[in-house]
Amino acid sequence: MNDQTVEFQAKVYVYDLNNCAREFGFKADETWEVDMASSRDKADIEKKYFPTLSAKVLPEMLAEMMSSVKFKLSQRLAGIEKNTDATHIRQQELQYLIAYSPNRLRR
């Protein structure tokens, strides 16, 4: 991701989310939940939900990527997401942006 802008990567990520939603037959009321995750959190989410879509993002770009993706999905940032910075991201070892539908549990 070093050679491409966050805005471009967010656009590609949202495009992939839309394709995934079409592929898996999401209904009009189904939405994606987008979170920042560590590798352990990512594995837990992937075990619990299907489908998921994740992207590994540099810590200094993760908060901006999350904000851009949520904006493109017409979602609001939660309070903690607004105050997240690169230092907090490094401390929590957050490396991934992961999207899943809370209504689609893995069976």
C-alpha atoms as a PDB file:
ATOM      1  CA  MET A   1       0.000   0.000   0.000  1.00  0.00           C
ATOM      2  CA  ASN A   2       3.004   2.296   0.187  1.00  0.00           C
ATOM      3  CA  ASP A   3       2.802   3.295  -3.462  1.00  0.00           C
ATOM      4  CA  GLN A   4      -0.883   4.202  -3.527  1.00  0.00           C
ATOM      5  CA  THR A   5      -2.890   6.843  -1.742  1.00  0.00           C
ATOM      6  CA  VAL A   6      -5.212   6.042   1.124  1.00  0.00           C
ATOM      7  CA  GLU A   7      -8.110   7.492  -0.839  1.00  0.00           C
ATOM      8  CA  PHE A   8      -7.475   5.177  -3.782  1.00  0.00           C
ATOM      9  CA  GLN A   9      -7.091   2.148  -1.500  1.00  0.00           C
ATOM     10  CA  ALA A  10     -10.344   3.031   0.287  1.00  0.00           C
ATOM     11  CA  LYS A  11     -12.102   3.266  -3.071  1.00  0.00           C
ATOM     12  CA  VAL A  12     -10.795  -0.174  -4.087  1.00  0.00           C
ATOM     13  CA  TYR A  13     -11.754  -1.636  -0.701  1.00  0.00           C
ATOM     14  CA  VAL A  14     -15.329  -0.326  -0.947  1.00  0.00           C
ATOM     15  CA  TYR A  15     -15.535  -1.631  -4.521  1.00  0.00           C
ATOM     16  CA  ASP A  16     -14.480  -5.073  -3.237  1.00  0.00           C
ATOM     17  CA  LEU A  17     -17.068  -4.854  -0.438  1.00  0.00           C
ATOM     18  CA  ASN A  18     -19.817  -4.093  -2.953  1.00  0.00           C
ATOM     19  CA  ASN A  19     -18.734  -7.003  -5.163  1.00  0.00           C
ATOM     20  CA  CYS A  20     -18.628  -9.339  -2.168  1.00  0.00           C
ATOM     21  CA  ALA A  21     -22.104  -8.224  -1.066  1.00  0.00           C
ATOM     22  CA  ARG A  22     -23.471  -8.933  -4.546  1.00  0.00           C
ATOM     23  CA  GLU A  23     -21.704 -12.282  -4.727  1.00  0.00           C
ATOM     24  CA  PHE A  24     -23.155 -13.427  -1.401  1.00  0.00           C
ATOM     25  CA  GLY A  25     -26.628 -12.004  -2.014  1.00  0.00           C
ATOM     26  CA  PHE A  26     -26.770  -9.327   0.686  1.00  0.00           C
ATOM     27  CA  LYS A  27     -30.243  -7.942   1.165  1.00  0.00           C
ATOM     28  CA  ALA A  28     -30.886  -4.187   1.005  1.00  0.00           C
ATOM     29  CA  ASP A  29     -30.936  -3.896   4.811  1.00  0.00           C
ATOM     30  CA  GLU A  30     -27.655  -5.796   5.342  1.00  0.00           C
ATOM     31  CA  THR A  31     -24.624  -3.643   5.986  1.00  0.00           C
ATOM     32  CA  TRP A  32     -20.932  -4.105   6.601  1.00  0.00           C
ATOM     33  CA  GLU A  33     -19.411  -3.504  10.019  1.00  0.00           C
ATOM     34  CA  VAL A  34     -15.907  -2.092   9.505  1.00  0.00           C
ATOM     35  CA  ASP A  35     -13.314  -2.284  12.292  1.00  0.00           C
ATOM     36  CA  MET A  36      -9.605  -2.038  12.907  1.00  0.00           C
ATOM     37  CA  ALA A  37      -8.162  -5.313  14.138  1.00  0.00           C
ATOM     38  CA  SER A  38      -4.992  -7.016  15.291  1.00  0.00           C
ATOM     39  CA  SER A  39      -4.048 -10.301  13.645  1.00  0.00           C
ATOM     40  CA  ARG A  40      -5.616 -12.205  16.560  1.00  0.00           C
ATOM     41  CA  ASP A  41      -8.851 -10.159  16.379  1.00  0.00           C
ATOM     42  CA  LYS A  42      -8.957 -10.684  12.614  1.00  0.00           C
ATOM     43  CA  ALA A  43      -8.711 -14.454  13.055  1.00  0.00           C
ATOM     44  CA  ASP A  44     -11.497 -14.399  15.672  1.00  0.00           C
ATOM     45  CA  ILE A  45     -13.789 -12.367  13.401  1.00  0.00           C
ATOM     46  CA  GLU A  46     -13.085 -14.673  10.453  1.00  0.00           C
ATOM     47  CA  LYS A  47     -14.000 -17.699  12.590  1.00  0.00           C
ATOM     48  CA  LYS A  48     -17.266 -16.096  13.692  1.00  0.00           C
ATOM     49  CA  TYR A  49     -18.533 -14.372  10.503  1.00  0.00           C
ATOM     50  CA  PHE A  50     -18.674 -15.163   6.802  1.00  0.00           C
ATOM     51  CA  PRO A  51     -17.945 -13.462   4.485  1.00  0.00           C
ATOM     52  CA  THR A  52     -15.248 -11.124   5.723  1.00  0.00           C
ATOM     53  CA  LEU A  53     -12.961  -8.819   3.800  1.00  0.00           C
ATOM     54  CA  SER A  54      -9.709  -7.557   5.267  1.00  0.00           C
ATOM     55  CA  ALA A  55      -6.789  -5.414   4.179  1.00  0.00           C
ATOM     56  CA  LYS A  56      -3.437  -5.027   5.894  1.00  0.00           C
ATOM     57  CA  VAL A  57      -2.713  -1.331   6.377  1.00  0.00           C
ATOM     58  CA  LEU A  58       0.286   0.536   7.775  1.00  0.00           C
ATOM     59  CA  PRO A  59      -0.397   1.886  11.296  1.00  0.00           C
ATOM     60  CA  GLU A  60       0.087   5.499  10.248  1.00  0.00           C
ATOM     61  CA  MET A  61      -2.529   5.079   7.508  1.00  0.00           C
ATOM     62  CA  LEU A  62      -5.063   2.857   9.279  1.00  0.00           C
ATOM     63  CA  ALA A  63      -7.177   5.546  10.964  1.00  0.00           C
ATOM     64  CA  GLU A  64      -7.397   7.584   7.754  1.00  0.00           C
ATOM     65  CA  MET A  65      -8.287   4.467   5.747  1.00  0.00           C
ATOM     66  CA  MET A  66     -11.021   3.558   8.235  1.00  0.00           C
ATOM     67  CA  SER A  67     -12.441   7.062   8.103  1.00  0.00           C
ATOM     68  CA  SER A  68     -12.414   7.127   4.313  1.00  0.00           C
ATOM     69  CA  VAL A  69     -14.064   3.693   3.978  1.00  0.00           C
ATOM     70  CA  LYS A  70     -16.778   4.551   6.491  1.00  0.00           C
ATOM     71  CA  PHE A  71     -17.435   7.843   4.692  1.00  0.00           C
ATOM     72  CA  LYS A  72     -17.796   6.020   1.361  1.00  0.00           C
ATOM     73  CA  LEU A  73     -20.188   3.537   3.003  1.00  0.00           C
ATOM     74  CA  SER A  74     -22.179   6.440   4.520  1.00  0.00           C
ATOM     75  CA  GLN A  75     -21.381   5.260   8.049  1.00  0.00           C
ATOM     76  CA  ARG A  76     -20.454   7.469  10.988  1.00  0.00           C
ATOM     77  CA  LEU A  77     -17.304   7.040  13.016  1.00  0.00           C
ATOM     78  CA  ALA A  78     -17.855   5.932  16.599  1.00  0.00           C
ATOM     79  CA  GLY A  79     -16.415   8.121  19.367  1.00  0.00           C
ATOM     80  CA  ILE A  80     -13.358   5.939  19.950  1.00  0.00           C
ATOM     81  CA  GLU A  81     -12.640   5.750  16.224  1.00  0.00           C
ATOM     82  CA  LYS A  82     -12.496   9.547  15.988  1.00  0.00           C
ATOM     83  CA  ASN A  83      -9.814   9.705  18.683  1.00  0.00           C
ATOM     84  CA  THR A  84      -7.643   6.879  17.364  1.00  0.00           C
ATOM     85  CA  ASP A  85      -4.127   7.878  16.343  1.00  0.00           C
ATOM     86  CA  ALA A  86      -1.036   6.029  15.082  1.00  0.00           C
ATOM     87  CA  THR A  87       0.383   5.691  18.621  1.00  0.00           C
ATOM     88  CA  HIS A  88      -2.776   3.983  19.896  1.00  0.00           C
ATOM     89  CA  ILE A  89      -2.863   1.784  16.792  1.00  0.00           C
ATOM     90  CA  ARG A  90       0.728   0.645  17.372  1.00  0.00           C
ATOM     91  CA  GLN A  91       0.112   0.001  21.078  1.00  0.00           C
ATOM     92  CA  GLN A  92      -2.929  -2.152  20.294  1.00  0.00           C
ATOM     93  CA  GLU A  93      -1.032  -3.840  17.416  1.00  0.00           C
ATOM     94  CA  LEU A  94      -3.832  -3.001  14.982  1.00  0.00           C
ATOM     95  CA  GLN A  95      -2.803  -3.942  11.456  1.00  0.00           C
ATOM     96  CA  TYR A  96      -5.987  -4.714   9.560  1.00  0.00           C
ATOM     97  CA  LEU A  97      -9.132  -3.080   8.359  1.00  0.00           C
ATOM     98  CA  ILE A  98     -11.752  -5.819   8.425  1.00  0.00           C
ATOM     99  CA  ALA A  99     -15.371  -5.794   7.292  1.00  0.00           C
ATOM    100  CA  TYR A 100     -18.068  -8.305   8.170  1.00  0.00           C
ATOM    101  CA  SER A 101     -21.843  -8.459   8.358  1.00  0.00           C
ATOM    102  CA  PRO A 102     -23.049  -8.958  11.957  1.00  0.00           C
ATOM    103  CA  ASN A 103     -26.099 -10.809  10.578  1.00  0.00           C
ATOM    104  CA  ARG A 104     -24.019 -13.447   8.803  1.00  0.00           C
ATOM    105  CA  LEU A 105     -22.621 -15.831  11.374  1.00  0.00           C
ATOM    106  CA  ARG A 106     -20.447 -18.692  10.169  1.00  0.00           C
ATOM    107  CA  ARG A 107     -22.212 -22.027  10.448  1.00  0.00           C
END
